Amino acid sequence: MPSPDSTPRLQLRQISKRYPGCLANDAIDLCIAPGEIHALLGENGAGKSTLMKIIYGVTQADTGEMLWQGQRVNIRNPAQARQLGIGMVFQHFSLFETLSVAQNIALAMGAEAGTPKQLEPKIREVSRRYGMALEPERLVHSLSIGERQRVEIIRCLMQDIRLLILDEPTSVLTPQEADELFITLRRLAAEGCSILFISHKLAEVRALCHSATVLRGGRVAGHCRPAECSDQQLAQMMVGEAAALIGEYPKVSGGADFLQVNGLSWHNPDPFGCSLSDINLQVRGGEIVGIAGVAGNGQDELLALLSGEQTLPRDGATTIRFAGQAVADLRPDARRQLGLAFVPAERLGHGAVPELSLADNALLTAFQQGLVSNGLIERSKVEALAQQIIQRFGVKTPGTHAAARSLSGGNLQKFILGREILQQPKLLIAAHPTWGVDVGAAATIHRALIALRDAGAAILVISEDLDELFQISDRLGALCAGRLSPLQNTTDTLLSDVGGWMAGHINPTHSSATA
């Protein structure tokens, strides 16, 4: 850390930003020193993302001033921010899916950095150095969510930056990958680079960050040194009441099998994708089964086959059954009629249509719940459902007319999950249910999942957050290279066991349905 009298790298004074019906930032003061790792904390909707966009030039403040290395600046766009030495990794990715990794990075760095082909060796070197393996030639649409996050991080690390803004950078990283990233961030800080770190994982904030600014309701609620605070104290600064945020849930054994996957193998025609090999999986009514794994090890492929987005020929239909009925050749709507609800990994564009209102997004998957009569949409029922989701799950939004893209990540996640849960499914499949959400939203989501489990639903959660899986799962397993480990009772499973499964140390003598 630099001496206290050093000129701040970045200083914000009385920054305010108002949107229709919302004061996102209210007279924010923030100061970051050279070489400082500074956390920005707050629940979803507290104003963190808006403030980051102002610093990066994506949007402009209404009032206040910004000083960069002691000089007042008006950052009009991200290109100007990058020229100053500011890099940002957004929570929602800004990648062109039809282009390769190298082409995306070349676009961000400009023509003077070289052609995509010329950048490929450096991309490989940087990705290896930071422990985030990437192949520069791969097309982005073929990458998993975790791999796309790596592209965003490496794209910034390849630039000559003096301030690196990271918005939930570890949300889809394994603990080992996060540790590697922290080594890199500490090295960057030691070299004088300032880092503004947004995360809802309070343990990582306490381990990594020198100082923190906490936002609540768009205003600064306080400052602290995270290493000197407990998770409960940080959570209380963020949301005001932390007693119910970190819960322990009883483990149960469930009832009869609802989801049955027997000998599922699938060859992925994408040369960069992952094929599945002899997957055996049972999820009982009234239990939560959690599946861990490093991104790119078959999670996306398994989700597609279970949801119906990828079907199998009729002669392979018996490999996936709902309550004994073969479904592998059925499309998603037919599976939903049998009781399936699905929360995909990607919120915007997959879980919700960004431009549509919340009411219309509620209709997208719940139209079979009496919202359409004789081919006509029952608008009053659609509005009532959307309003019910907002109220039951504490979604912060101006109303059902708000576009999905206008919500913060955690609030959109609560809306999507609420939309699926209120359909009272017999089987809920959820990918990364609390990715990038704050401790309050995560607690809301976890309680909703436990309540649905206790009502008798079978729940399958695929996540890279091992703490979450151990907290809510009744049984646990892991995917590696398209193979599924045994499923074990969570109470009988060690973190080292799951880590071994994620690394491919799978005992073939056990069935993956082990109770």
Protein backbone atom coordinates (compact mmCIF):
# COMPACT_ATOMS: atom_id res chain seq x y z
CA MET A 1 0.00 0.00 0.00
CA PRO A 2 1.25 3.50 -0.78
CA SER A 3 1.73 6.15 1.88
CA PRO A 4 -1.42 8.02 2.94
CA ASP A 5 -0.22 11.30 1.41
CA SER A 6 0.17 9.86 -2.08
CA THR A 7 -1.94 11.45 -4.83
CA PRO A 8 -5.04 9.26 -5.26
CA ARG A 9 -5.24 7.27 -8.47
CA LEU A 10 -8.97 7.97 -8.66
CA GLN A 11 -11.16 10.28 -6.64
CA LEU A 12 -14.92 10.78 -6.96
CA ARG A 13 -16.61 13.76 -5.36
CA GLN A 14 -20.37 13.98 -4.88
CA ILE A 15 -21.21 11.84 -7.92
CA SER A 16 -24.96 11.59 -8.55
CA LYS A 17 -26.91 9.85 -11.31
CA ARG A 18 -30.69 9.70 -11.69
CA TYR A 19 -32.76 7.44 -13.95
CA PRO A 20 -36.55 7.69 -14.38
CA GLY A 21 -38.01 6.69 -11.03
CA CYS A 22 -34.61 5.89 -9.49
CA LEU A 23 -31.76 7.85 -7.91
CA ALA A 24 -29.03 5.31 -8.63
CA ASN A 25 -26.12 7.29 -7.14
CA ASP A 26 -26.61 9.98 -4.52
CA ALA A 27 -23.57 12.18 -3.78
CA ILE A 28 -21.01 9.36 -3.84
CA ASP A 29 -17.47 10.00 -2.58
CA LEU A 30 -14.79 7.43 -3.35
CA CYS A 31 -10.98 7.48 -3.20
CA ILE A 32 -8.58 4.80 -4.48
CA ALA A 33 -4.81 4.99 -3.99
CA PRO A 34 -2.13 3.58 -6.31
CA GLY A 35 -1.55 -0.09 -5.54
CA GLU A 36 -4.75 -0.37 -3.49
CA ILE A 37 -7.27 -3.19 -3.84
CA HIS A 38 -10.52 -1.45 -2.94
CA ALA A 39 -13.83 -3.31 -2.56
CA LEU A 40 -17.17 -1.79 -3.50
CA LEU A 41 -19.91 -3.56 -1.58
CA GLY A 42 -23.67 -3.32 -1.56
CA GLU A 43 -26.77 -5.35 -2.27
CA ASN A 44 -28.14 -5.61 -5.80
CA GLY A 45 -29.58 -2.27 -6.82
CA ALA A 46 -27.38 -0.31 -4.38
CA GLY A 47 -25.78 1.62 -7.26
CA LYS A 48 -22.48 -0.21 -7.71
CA SER A 49 -22.83 -0.99 -11.43
CA THR A 50 -23.98 2.56 -12.23
CA LEU A 51 -20.95 3.99 -10.46
CA MET A 52 -18.61 1.66 -12.33
CA LYS A 53 -20.16 2.65 -15.65
CA ILE A 54 -19.59 6.31 -14.81
CA ILE A 55 -15.92 5.65 -14.05
CA TYR A 56 -15.53 3.67 -17.29
CA GLY A 57 -17.34 6.25 -19.43
CA VAL A 58 -20.32 4.07 -20.33
CA THR A 59 -22.65 6.63 -18.80
CA GLN A 60 -22.26 10.19 -17.55
CA ALA A 61 -22.88 11.52 -14.04
CA ASP A 62 -25.52 14.22 -13.63
CA THR A 63 -23.50 16.05 -10.98
CA GLY A 64 -20.15 15.75 -9.21
CA GLU A 65 -16.57 15.52 -10.38
CA MET A 66 -13.95 12.88 -11.08
CA LEU A 67 -10.20 13.29 -10.55
CA TRP A 68 -7.69 10.99 -12.23
CA GLN A 69 -4.23 11.15 -10.66
CA GLY A 70 -5.10 14.57 -9.23
CA GLN A 71 -6.45 16.04 -12.49
CA ARG A 72 -10.13 16.62 -13.13
CA VAL A 73 -11.41 14.53 -16.04
CA ASN A 74 -14.65 13.98 -17.89
CA ILE A 75 -14.57 10.44 -19.26
CA ARG A 76 -16.97 10.49 -22.19
CA ASN A 77 -16.61 6.88 -23.39
CA PRO A 78 -14.80 3.60 -22.70
CA ALA A 79 -12.17 4.34 -25.36
CA GLN A 80 -11.09 7.43 -23.43
CA ALA A 81 -11.10 5.41 -20.19
CA ARG A 82 -8.79 2.82 -21.75
CA GLN A 83 -6.46 5.58 -23.00
CA LEU A 84 -6.15 6.81 -19.42
CA GLY A 85 -5.34 3.28 -18.27
CA ILE A 86 -8.72 2.11 -16.94
CA GLY A 87 -9.85 -1.42 -17.75
CA MET A 88 -13.13 -3.06 -16.77
CA VAL A 89 -14.51 -6.57 -16.66
CA PHE A 90 -18.32 -6.39 -16.70
CA GLN A 91 -20.57 -8.87 -14.93
CA HIS A 92 -22.55 -9.28 -18.17
CA PHE A 93 -20.18 -10.05 -21.00
CA SER A 94 -19.56 -7.72 -23.95
CA LEU A 95 -18.31 -10.23 -26.49
CA PHE A 96 -19.17 -10.88 -30.14
CA GLU A 97 -20.32 -14.49 -30.17
CA THR A 98 -19.58 -15.13 -33.86
CA LEU A 99 -15.94 -14.00 -33.51
CA SER A 100 -13.01 -15.85 -32.02
CA VAL A 101 -11.34 -15.13 -28.69
CA ALA A 102 -8.41 -13.45 -30.48
CA GLN A 103 -10.70 -11.35 -32.67
CA ASN A 104 -12.64 -10.11 -29.63
CA ILE A 105 -9.44 -9.15 -27.83
CA ALA A 106 -8.02 -7.48 -30.94
CA LEU A 107 -11.17 -5.36 -31.28
CA ALA A 108 -10.85 -4.18 -27.68
CA MET A 109 -7.16 -3.35 -27.96
CA GLY A 110 -7.28 -1.50 -31.28
CA ALA A 111 -5.40 -1.84 -34.57
CA GLU A 112 -2.09 -0.69 -33.09
CA ALA A 113 -1.94 -3.81 -30.90
CA GLY A 114 -1.75 -6.08 -33.95
CA THR A 115 -3.94 -8.50 -35.85
CA PRO A 116 -5.78 -11.34 -34.12
CA LYS A 117 -3.19 -13.78 -35.50
CA GLN A 118 -0.36 -11.68 -34.11
CA LEU A 119 -2.04 -11.53 -30.70
CA GLU A 120 -2.55 -15.29 -30.38
CA PRO A 121 0.87 -16.10 -28.82
CA LYS A 122 0.45 -13.36 -26.22
CA ILE A 123 -3.08 -14.53 -25.41
CA ARG A 124 -1.77 -18.04 -24.78
CA GLU A 125 1.09 -16.72 -22.66
CA VAL A 126 -1.12 -14.42 -20.57
CA SER A 127 -3.82 -17.06 -20.09
CA ARG A 128 -1.24 -19.63 -18.93
CA ARG A 129 0.42 -17.11 -16.64
CA TYR A 130 -2.86 -16.30 -14.93
CA GLY A 131 -4.08 -19.89 -14.77
CA MET A 132 -7.09 -19.35 -17.08
CA ALA A 133 -6.53 -21.57 -20.09
CA LEU A 134 -7.96 -20.28 -23.39
CA GLU A 135 -7.57 -21.19 -27.03
CA PRO A 136 -7.40 -17.98 -29.12
CA GLU A 137 -8.96 -19.61 -32.21
CA ARG A 138 -12.16 -20.73 -30.49
CA LEU A 139 -15.39 -18.96 -31.38
CA VAL A 140 -17.00 -17.27 -28.40
CA HIS A 141 -20.40 -18.94 -28.95
CA SER A 142 -18.71 -22.29 -28.29
CA LEU A 143 -17.41 -21.19 -24.89
CA SER A 144 -19.05 -21.89 -21.55
CA ILE A 145 -20.06 -19.04 -19.26
CA GLY A 146 -16.91 -19.51 -17.19
CA GLU A 147 -14.69 -19.48 -20.26
CA ARG A 148 -16.30 -16.28 -21.52
CA GLN A 149 -15.51 -14.70 -18.17
CA ARG A 150 -11.88 -15.66 -18.69
CA VAL A 151 -11.85 -13.87 -22.05
CA GLU A 152 -13.09 -10.69 -20.38
CA ILE A 153 -10.45 -10.85 -17.65
CA ILE A 154 -7.57 -11.62 -20.00
CA ARG A 155 -8.71 -8.92 -22.42
CA CYS A 156 -8.14 -6.38 -19.65
CA LEU A 157 -4.92 -7.90 -18.35
CA MET A 158 -3.33 -7.64 -21.81
CA GLN A 159 -3.70 -3.85 -21.72
CA ASP A 160 -1.42 -1.37 -19.94
CA ILE A 161 -3.80 -0.55 -17.10
CA ARG A 162 -3.45 1.61 -13.99
CA LEU A 163 -6.94 0.89 -12.64
CA LEU A 164 -8.64 -2.46 -13.13
CA ILE A 165 -12.37 -2.63 -12.34
CA LEU A 166 -13.63 -6.16 -11.70
CA ASP A 167 -17.38 -6.74 -11.42
CA GLU A 168 -17.92 -10.19 -9.88
CA PRO A 169 -14.78 -11.67 -11.49
CA THR A 170 -14.87 -14.94 -9.53
CA SER A 171 -18.58 -15.65 -9.88
CA VAL A 172 -17.96 -18.59 -12.21
CA LEU A 173 -14.45 -19.57 -11.11
CA THR A 174 -13.55 -22.56 -8.97
CA PRO A 175 -11.80 -21.87 -5.65
CA GLN A 176 -8.51 -22.88 -7.25
CA GLU A 177 -9.05 -20.51 -10.20
CA ALA A 178 -10.04 -17.72 -7.82
CA ASP A 179 -6.87 -18.28 -5.80
CA GLU A 180 -4.80 -18.02 -8.98
CA LEU A 181 -6.59 -14.81 -9.90
CA PHE A 182 -5.93 -13.36 -6.45
CA ILE A 183 -2.21 -14.08 -6.84
CA THR A 184 -2.31 -12.11 -10.08
CA LEU A 185 -4.26 -9.24 -8.54
CA ARG A 186 -1.87 -8.97 -5.60
CA ARG A 187 1.06 -8.91 -8.03
CA LEU A 188 -0.62 -6.18 -10.08
CA ALA A 189 -1.26 -4.17 -6.90
CA ALA A 190 2.35 -4.60 -5.80
CA GLU A 191 3.40 -3.14 -9.17
CA GLY A 192 1.23 -0.07 -8.50
CA CYS A 193 -1.98 -0.96 -10.33
CA SER A 194 -5.14 0.04 -8.46
CA ILE A 195 -7.98 -2.46 -8.38
CA LEU A 196 -11.66 -1.77 -7.75
CA PHE A 197 -13.21 -5.08 -6.79
CA ILE A 198 -16.95 -5.80 -6.71
CA SER A 199 -17.94 -9.12 -5.17
CA HIS A 200 -20.72 -10.59 -3.08
CA LYS A 201 -18.40 -13.28 -1.75
CA LEU A 202 -17.52 -11.63 1.52
CA ALA A 203 -14.82 -14.12 2.46
CA GLU A 204 -12.86 -13.21 -0.68
CA VAL A 205 -13.30 -9.51 0.00
CA ARG A 206 -11.89 -9.95 3.50
CA ALA A 207 -8.97 -12.01 2.21
CA LEU A 208 -8.06 -9.79 -0.75
CA CYS A 209 -9.06 -6.15 -0.28
CA HIS A 210 -7.20 -3.46 1.66
CA SER A 211 -10.28 -1.28 2.14
CA ALA A 212 -13.96 -1.14 1.23
CA THR A 213 -16.72 1.35 0.51
CA VAL A 214 -20.25 0.14 1.22
CA LEU A 215 -23.26 1.45 -0.72
CA ARG A 216 -26.86 1.16 0.42
CA GLY A 217 -29.75 2.64 -1.52
CA GLY A 218 -27.43 4.59 -3.80
CA ARG A 219 -25.54 6.32 -0.98
CA VAL A 220 -22.31 5.60 0.87
CA ALA A 221 -23.25 3.66 4.01
CA GLY A 222 -19.72 3.44 5.37
CA HIS A 223 -16.07 2.56 4.91
CA CYS A 224 -14.09 -0.25 6.52
CA ARG A 225 -11.04 -2.48 6.37
CA PRO A 226 -12.54 -5.87 5.39
CA ALA A 227 -9.80 -7.91 7.08
CA GLU A 228 -10.92 -6.43 10.40
CA CYS A 229 -14.63 -7.33 9.88
CA SER A 230 -16.61 -10.57 9.97
CA ASP A 231 -18.96 -11.67 7.20
CA GLN A 232 -21.88 -10.80 9.46
CA GLN A 233 -20.57 -7.27 10.04
CA LEU A 234 -20.04 -6.67 6.33
CA ALA A 235 -23.48 -8.04 5.50
CA GLN A 236 -25.08 -5.83 8.14
CA MET A 237 -23.42 -2.74 6.63
CA MET A 238 -24.82 -3.74 3.23
CA VAL A 239 -28.40 -4.62 4.06
CA GLY A 240 -28.97 -3.43 7.61
CA GLU A 241 -29.98 -6.78 9.09
CA ALA A 242 -27.78 -9.84 8.69
CA ALA A 243 -29.28 -12.34 11.13
CA ALA A 244 -31.11 -14.37 8.46
CA LEU A 245 -28.54 -14.11 5.67
CA ILE A 246 -26.28 -17.06 6.44
CA GLY A 247 -28.49 -20.09 7.07
CA GLU A 248 -27.94 -23.77 7.73
CA TYR A 249 -30.52 -26.08 6.19
CA PRO A 250 -31.34 -29.63 7.36
CA LYS A 251 -30.43 -32.43 4.99
CA VAL A 252 -33.12 -34.84 3.80
CA SER A 253 -33.21 -38.14 1.90
CA GLY A 254 -36.15 -37.41 -0.43
CA GLY A 255 -38.76 -39.82 -1.73
CA ALA A 256 -39.20 -41.60 -5.05
CA ASP A 257 -37.01 -40.83 -8.05
CA PHE A 258 -38.48 -38.21 -10.38
CA LEU A 259 -35.55 -37.50 -12.71
CA GLN A 260 -33.83 -40.66 -13.94
CA VAL A 261 -30.83 -40.51 -16.27
CA ASN A 262 -29.45 -43.91 -17.22
CA GLY A 263 -26.35 -44.49 -19.36
CA LEU A 264 -26.59 -41.12 -21.10
CA SER A 265 -23.80 -40.64 -23.64
CA TRP A 266 -23.84 -37.89 -26.23
CA HIS A 267 -21.28 -36.91 -28.81
CA ASN A 268 -20.94 -33.15 -29.16
CA PRO A 269 -20.43 -32.24 -32.84
CA ASP A 270 -18.70 -29.01 -31.76
CA PRO A 271 -14.96 -29.80 -31.81
CA PHE A 272 -14.45 -27.39 -28.93
CA GLY A 273 -17.41 -28.68 -26.91
CA CYS A 274 -17.61 -31.47 -24.38
CA SER A 275 -19.19 -34.86 -25.01
CA LEU A 276 -20.98 -36.77 -22.25
CA SER A 277 -20.04 -40.30 -21.29
CA ASP A 278 -22.29 -42.79 -19.45
CA ILE A 279 -24.09 -40.32 -17.18
CA ASN A 280 -26.18 -41.97 -14.46
CA LEU A 281 -28.18 -39.63 -12.28
CA GLN A 282 -31.29 -39.83 -10.13
CA VAL A 283 -33.00 -36.91 -8.38
CA ARG A 284 -35.73 -37.74 -5.90
CA GLY A 285 -38.81 -35.77 -5.10
CA GLY A 286 -38.14 -33.69 -2.00
CA GLU A 287 -34.35 -33.40 -2.32
CA ILE A 288 -31.72 -31.12 -3.82
CA VAL A 289 -28.89 -32.69 -5.77
CA GLY A 290 -25.90 -30.46 -6.46
CA ILE A 291 -23.40 -30.92 -9.28
CA ALA A 292 -20.08 -29.08 -9.19
CA GLY A 293 -17.46 -28.75 -11.91
CA VAL A 294 -15.01 -26.46 -13.63
CA ALA A 295 -16.61 -24.58 -16.52
CA GLY A 296 -16.51 -26.45 -19.81
CA ASN A 297 -16.70 -29.98 -18.45
CA GLY A 298 -20.14 -30.87 -19.76
CA GLN A 299 -22.45 -28.71 -17.65
CA ASP A 300 -23.90 -26.85 -20.64
CA GLU A 301 -24.38 -30.06 -22.61
CA LEU A 302 -26.09 -31.84 -19.71
CA LEU A 303 -28.38 -28.85 -19.12
CA ALA A 304 -29.36 -28.77 -22.80
CA LEU A 305 -30.21 -32.47 -22.82
CA LEU A 306 -32.22 -32.28 -19.58
CA SER A 307 -34.15 -29.14 -20.56
CA GLY A 308 -35.03 -30.36 -24.06
CA GLU A 309 -33.04 -27.71 -25.91
CA GLN A 310 -31.05 -30.67 -27.25
CA THR A 311 -33.13 -33.78 -27.98
CA LEU A 312 -32.16 -37.37 -28.66
CA PRO A 313 -33.60 -39.71 -31.30
CA ARG A 314 -36.62 -41.77 -30.26
CA ASP A 315 -34.47 -44.89 -29.85
CA GLY A 316 -32.48 -43.01 -27.18
CA ALA A 317 -35.48 -41.47 -25.44
CA THR A 318 -35.40 -43.89 -22.53
CA THR A 319 -32.06 -42.56 -21.27
CA ILE A 320 -33.90 -39.63 -19.61
CA ARG A 321 -37.15 -40.19 -17.73
CA PHE A 322 -39.51 -38.02 -15.71
CA ALA A 323 -41.34 -40.22 -13.17
CA GLY A 324 -40.73 -43.21 -15.40
CA GLN A 325 -41.83 -41.55 -18.65
CA ALA A 326 -39.24 -41.33 -21.44
CA VAL A 327 -38.64 -37.70 -22.40
CA ALA A 328 -35.28 -37.45 -24.19
CA ASP A 329 -36.98 -36.94 -27.57
CA LEU A 330 -39.39 -34.27 -26.25
CA ARG A 331 -38.97 -30.53 -26.80
CA PRO A 332 -38.90 -28.09 -23.84
CA ASP A 333 -42.63 -27.23 -23.91
CA ALA A 334 -43.61 -30.90 -23.73
CA ARG A 335 -41.24 -31.45 -20.81
CA ARG A 336 -42.69 -28.41 -19.05
CA GLN A 337 -46.15 -29.97 -19.33
CA LEU A 338 -44.74 -32.93 -17.39
CA GLY A 339 -43.55 -30.66 -14.57
CA LEU A 340 -40.16 -29.26 -15.59
CA ALA A 341 -39.01 -25.74 -14.73
CA PHE A 342 -35.62 -24.45 -15.85
CA VAL A 343 -33.30 -21.62 -14.77
CA PRO A 344 -30.51 -21.30 -17.37
CA ALA A 345 -26.99 -20.09 -16.69
CA GLU A 346 -27.31 -16.95 -18.79
CA ARG A 347 -29.91 -14.46 -17.56
CA LEU A 348 -30.06 -11.97 -20.41
CA GLY A 349 -30.88 -13.57 -23.74
CA HIS A 350 -31.57 -17.05 -22.37
CA GLY A 351 -33.42 -16.67 -19.08
CA ALA A 352 -35.06 -13.41 -20.14
CA VAL A 353 -35.44 -11.30 -23.28
CA PRO A 354 -33.63 -8.04 -22.44
CA GLU A 355 -35.95 -5.67 -24.32
CA LEU A 356 -39.23 -7.19 -23.10
CA SER A 357 -41.04 -6.06 -19.97
CA LEU A 358 -41.06 -8.19 -16.84
CA ALA A 359 -44.71 -9.03 -17.51
CA ASP A 360 -43.91 -10.34 -20.99
CA ASN A 361 -40.91 -12.25 -19.63
CA ALA A 362 -43.20 -13.90 -17.07
CA LEU A 363 -45.43 -15.02 -19.93
CA LEU A 364 -42.56 -16.63 -21.85
CA THR A 365 -42.36 -19.80 -19.77
CA ALA A 366 -45.59 -19.60 -17.74
CA PHE A 367 -48.04 -19.34 -20.66
CA GLN A 368 -49.28 -22.85 -19.91
CA GLN A 369 -50.39 -21.75 -16.44
CA GLY A 370 -53.77 -20.39 -17.54
CA LEU A 371 -52.35 -17.16 -18.99
CA VAL A 372 -53.65 -17.87 -22.51
CA SER A 373 -57.31 -18.57 -23.30
CA ASN A 374 -58.57 -19.50 -26.78
CA GLY A 375 -55.35 -18.20 -28.28
CA LEU A 376 -55.62 -14.82 -26.53
CA ILE A 377 -53.31 -13.58 -23.80
CA GLU A 378 -55.05 -12.88 -20.49
CA ARG A 379 -53.19 -9.63 -19.80
CA SER A 380 -54.61 -9.10 -16.32
CA LYS A 381 -53.41 -12.57 -15.26
CA VAL A 382 -49.96 -11.97 -16.76
CA GLU A 383 -49.65 -8.67 -14.87
CA ALA A 384 -50.83 -10.35 -11.68
CA LEU A 385 -48.24 -13.11 -12.02
CA ALA A 386 -45.42 -10.64 -12.66
CA GLN A 387 -46.52 -8.56 -9.66
CA GLN A 388 -46.66 -11.68 -7.50
CA ILE A 389 -43.10 -12.61 -8.48
CA ILE A 390 -41.88 -9.09 -7.68
CA GLN A 391 -43.54 -9.08 -4.24
CA ARG A 392 -42.78 -12.68 -3.21
CA PHE A 393 -39.11 -12.53 -4.15
CA GLY A 394 -38.33 -8.92 -3.28
CA VAL A 395 -37.44 -7.84 -6.83
CA LYS A 396 -36.42 -4.17 -6.86
CA THR A 397 -37.99 -2.61 -9.96
CA PRO A 398 -40.26 0.33 -10.83
CA GLY A 399 -42.95 -2.13 -11.89
CA THR A 400 -44.01 -4.93 -14.22
CA HIS A 401 -43.53 -2.62 -17.23
CA ALA A 402 -39.76 -2.33 -16.64
CA ALA A 403 -37.54 -3.99 -19.25
CA ALA A 404 -35.55 -7.00 -18.09
CA ARG A 405 -32.27 -5.32 -19.03
CA SER A 406 -33.02 -2.45 -16.61
CA LEU A 407 -32.76 -4.73 -13.55
CA SER A 408 -29.55 -5.41 -11.68
CA GLY A 409 -28.20 -8.93 -12.05
CA GLY A 410 -29.43 -10.16 -8.70
CA ASN A 411 -32.91 -8.73 -9.11
CA LEU A 412 -33.26 -10.27 -12.57
CA GLN A 413 -32.08 -13.60 -11.17
CA LYS A 414 -34.71 -13.42 -8.40
CA PHE A 415 -37.38 -12.66 -11.00
CA ILE A 416 -36.38 -15.58 -13.26
CA LEU A 417 -36.17 -18.02 -10.36
CA GLY A 418 -39.47 -16.76 -8.94
CA ARG A 419 -41.16 -17.17 -12.32
CA GLU A 420 -40.13 -20.83 -12.40
CA ILE A 421 -40.87 -21.61 -8.73
CA LEU A 422 -44.37 -20.11 -8.82
CA GLN A 423 -45.27 -22.61 -11.54
CA GLN A 424 -44.98 -25.23 -8.77
CA PRO A 425 -42.79 -27.60 -10.80
CA LYS A 426 -42.22 -31.24 -10.04
CA LEU A 427 -38.62 -30.85 -11.23
CA LEU A 428 -36.56 -27.66 -11.10
CA ILE A 429 -33.20 -27.54 -12.86
CA ALA A 430 -31.20 -24.43 -11.93
CA ALA A 431 -27.80 -23.42 -13.27
CA HIS A 432 -25.71 -21.07 -11.11
CA PRO A 433 -28.81 -19.87 -9.19
CA THR A 434 -26.96 -17.19 -7.20
CA TRP A 435 -24.28 -16.19 -9.70
CA GLY A 436 -23.32 -12.57 -9.04
CA VAL A 437 -26.07 -11.83 -6.53
CA ASP A 438 -25.63 -10.20 -3.13
CA VAL A 439 -25.89 -11.99 0.20
CA GLY A 440 -29.47 -10.87 0.72
CA ALA A 441 -30.63 -12.05 -2.70
CA ALA A 442 -28.71 -15.33 -2.30
CA ALA A 443 -30.44 -15.95 1.02
CA THR A 444 -33.84 -15.27 -0.59
CA ILE A 445 -33.06 -17.69 -3.42
CA HIS A 446 -31.77 -20.39 -1.08
CA ARG A 447 -34.85 -20.18 1.15
CA ALA A 448 -37.08 -20.44 -1.93
CA LEU A 449 -35.23 -23.53 -3.13
CA ILE A 450 -35.46 -25.19 0.28
CA ALA A 451 -39.20 -24.37 0.49
CA LEU A 452 -39.76 -25.89 -2.96
CA ARG A 453 -37.78 -28.97 -1.92
CA ASP A 454 -39.83 -29.31 1.26
CA ALA A 455 -43.01 -29.09 -0.85
CA GLY A 456 -41.88 -32.26 -2.62
CA ALA A 457 -40.14 -31.03 -5.79
CA ALA A 458 -37.03 -32.67 -7.17
CA ILE A 459 -34.30 -30.05 -7.60
CA LEU A 460 -31.03 -30.27 -9.53
CA VAL A 461 -28.56 -27.40 -8.99
CA ILE A 462 -25.48 -27.03 -11.18
CA SER A 463 -23.08 -24.50 -9.72
CA GLU A 464 -19.40 -23.63 -9.44
CA ASP A 465 -19.93 -22.16 -5.96
CA LEU A 466 -18.94 -25.03 -3.68
CA ASP A 467 -19.99 -23.17 -0.54
CA GLU A 468 -23.48 -22.85 -1.99
CA LEU A 469 -23.65 -26.52 -2.98
CA PHE A 470 -22.59 -27.70 0.47
CA GLN A 471 -25.10 -25.33 2.06
CA ILE A 472 -28.26 -26.34 0.18
CA SER A 473 -27.61 -29.78 -1.40
CA ASP A 474 -28.71 -33.06 0.13
CA ARG A 475 -26.46 -35.03 -2.21
CA LEU A 476 -23.41 -33.92 -4.18
CA GLY A 477 -21.42 -34.91 -7.25
CA ALA A 478 -19.18 -33.32 -9.87
CA LEU A 479 -18.63 -33.35 -13.63
CA CYS A 480 -15.23 -33.68 -15.23
CA ALA A 481 -14.62 -34.14 -18.96
CA GLY A 482 -18.23 -35.20 -19.48
CA ARG A 483 -18.21 -37.87 -16.75
CA LEU A 484 -20.25 -37.67 -13.55
CA SER A 485 -18.81 -38.71 -10.20
CA PRO A 486 -20.72 -40.73 -7.63
CA LEU A 487 -23.41 -38.79 -5.78
CA GLN A 488 -22.81 -38.79 -2.04
CA ASN A 489 -24.75 -37.52 0.91
CA THR A 490 -23.49 -34.01 1.62
CA THR A 491 -23.00 -34.82 5.29
CA ASP A 492 -20.58 -37.61 4.27
CA THR A 493 -18.66 -35.52 1.72
CA LEU A 494 -15.52 -33.45 2.21
CA LEU A 495 -14.50 -30.44 0.17
CA SER A 496 -11.42 -32.39 -0.87
CA ASP A 497 -13.67 -35.15 -2.22
CA VAL A 498 -15.47 -32.74 -4.53
CA GLY A 499 -12.18 -31.13 -5.54
CA GLY A 500 -10.87 -34.55 -6.53
CA TRP A 501 -13.97 -35.32 -8.58
CA MET A 502 -13.67 -31.95 -10.33
CA ALA A 503 -10.09 -32.88 -11.23
CA GLY A 504 -11.19 -36.24 -12.69
CA HIS A 505 -10.43 -38.55 -9.78
CA ILE A 506 -13.66 -40.52 -10.12
CA ASN A 507 -13.93 -44.02 -8.68
CA PRO A 508 -15.52 -46.11 -11.47
CA THR A 509 -16.60 -48.85 -9.04
CA HIS A 510 -19.30 -46.60 -7.60
CA SER A 511 -22.60 -45.78 -9.20
CA SER A 512 -23.36 -42.09 -9.60
CA ALA A 513 -26.68 -42.79 -7.89
CA THR A 514 -25.01 -43.74 -4.60
CA ALA A 515 -27.21 -42.60 -1.70
